[in-house]
Every structure is written in C-alpha cells, then in structure tokens.
Amino acid sequence: MNALTDILVVLAVFLLLTGPALAGLARERRIDRRLRGPLPQKSSSRSTVPSTATWYADGRRSKKLVSS
C-alpha cells in the first residue's frame, strides 16, 4: 500500500509541474491557428476572380463597341 501512495504522490507532483506548461502550449497552438486563418477551400482549380488581363481586354472590347 505504501508503494501505491508513493506513486500517486509522484504523479500528483508531476501533474502540478507540467499542467501549466501543457495548458500554455495548448493556448499557443489555438492562437496560432486563429492567426493563420481558415484553410482555403479547393473547390475548383480555376479562380473565380478574373485576371487583370481579362478585365483589361473586356474593358477594351466594350469601348470599341461604344465608339463604333
């Protein structure tokens, strides 16, 4: 019975010493995940926002149609 008590005392001291460090580590990881932001969704390989070249070409086409 005395050996069981010794083991429990050592385990309790170990938890008292490592508990705050483990809680701080979990908090740091949570903050890092929040700062990193959500992971991008890979629904398709093409972008839904037109590129600058597409936007410029569309603008040029519309000006030609209006001026002629």
Protein backbone atom coordinates (compact mmCIF):
# COMPACT_ATOMS: atom_id res chain seq x y z
CA MET A 1 0.00 0.00 0.00
CA ASN A 2 2.90 2.35 0.73
CA ALA A 3 4.28 1.92 -2.84
CA LEU A 4 0.91 2.91 -4.32
CA THR A 5 0.85 6.07 -2.21
CA ASP A 6 4.38 6.96 -3.33
CA ILE A 7 3.41 6.50 -6.99
CA LEU A 8 0.33 8.69 -6.55
CA VAL A 9 2.37 11.42 -4.83
CA VAL A 10 4.95 11.42 -7.63
CA LEU A 11 2.17 11.52 -10.23
CA ALA A 12 0.45 14.43 -8.46
CA VAL A 13 3.71 16.43 -8.27
CA PHE A 14 4.39 15.68 -11.94
CA LEU A 15 0.93 16.95 -12.93
CA LEU A 16 1.32 20.08 -10.79
CA LEU A 17 4.60 20.91 -12.50
CA THR A 18 3.63 20.07 -16.08
CA GLY A 19 -0.03 21.15 -16.02
CA PRO A 20 0.51 24.90 -16.52
CA ALA A 21 3.09 24.28 -19.26
CA LEU A 22 0.72 21.97 -21.16
CA ALA A 23 -2.16 24.43 -20.78
CA GLY A 24 0.03 27.24 -22.12
CA LEU A 25 1.13 25.10 -25.05
CA ALA A 26 -2.49 24.33 -25.93
CA ARG A 27 -3.33 28.05 -25.73
CA GLU A 28 -0.40 28.98 -28.00
CA ARG A 29 -1.48 26.42 -30.61
CA ARG A 30 -5.05 27.74 -30.54
CA ILE A 31 -3.82 31.33 -31.05
CA ASP A 32 -1.53 30.24 -33.90
CA ARG A 33 -4.43 28.52 -35.66
CA ARG A 34 -6.59 31.62 -35.27
CA LEU A 35 -3.87 33.91 -36.66
CA ARG A 36 -3.20 31.60 -39.59
CA GLY A 37 -6.86 31.83 -40.60
CA PRO A 38 -9.10 29.28 -42.23
CA LEU A 39 -7.59 26.93 -44.77
CA PRO A 40 -8.56 27.72 -48.37
CA GLN A 41 -11.25 25.56 -49.91
CA LYS A 42 -10.18 23.68 -53.03
CA SER A 43 -13.48 23.50 -54.89
CA SER A 44 -12.01 24.05 -58.33
CA SER A 45 -8.64 24.69 -59.90
CA ARG A 46 -9.74 27.90 -61.65
CA SER A 47 -10.04 31.20 -59.85
CA THR A 48 -13.46 32.86 -59.73
CA VAL A 49 -11.91 36.33 -59.90
CA PRO A 50 -10.91 37.35 -63.44
CA SER A 51 -7.29 38.17 -64.01
CA THR A 52 -6.12 41.71 -64.75
CA ALA A 53 -5.55 40.81 -68.40
CA THR A 54 -9.14 39.54 -68.76
CA TRP A 55 -10.52 42.64 -67.08
CA TYR A 56 -8.44 44.93 -69.32
CA ALA A 57 -9.41 43.07 -72.50
CA ASP A 58 -13.11 43.18 -71.59
CA GLY A 59 -12.86 46.93 -70.99
CA ARG A 60 -11.16 47.49 -74.35
CA ARG A 61 -13.82 45.46 -76.19
CA SER A 62 -16.65 47.44 -74.61
CA LYS A 63 -15.00 50.78 -75.55
CA LYS A 64 -14.63 49.65 -79.16
CA LEU A 65 -18.29 48.72 -79.33
CA VAL A 66 -19.38 52.09 -77.95
CA SER A 67 -17.14 54.21 -80.21
CA SER A 68 -18.09 52.49 -83.48
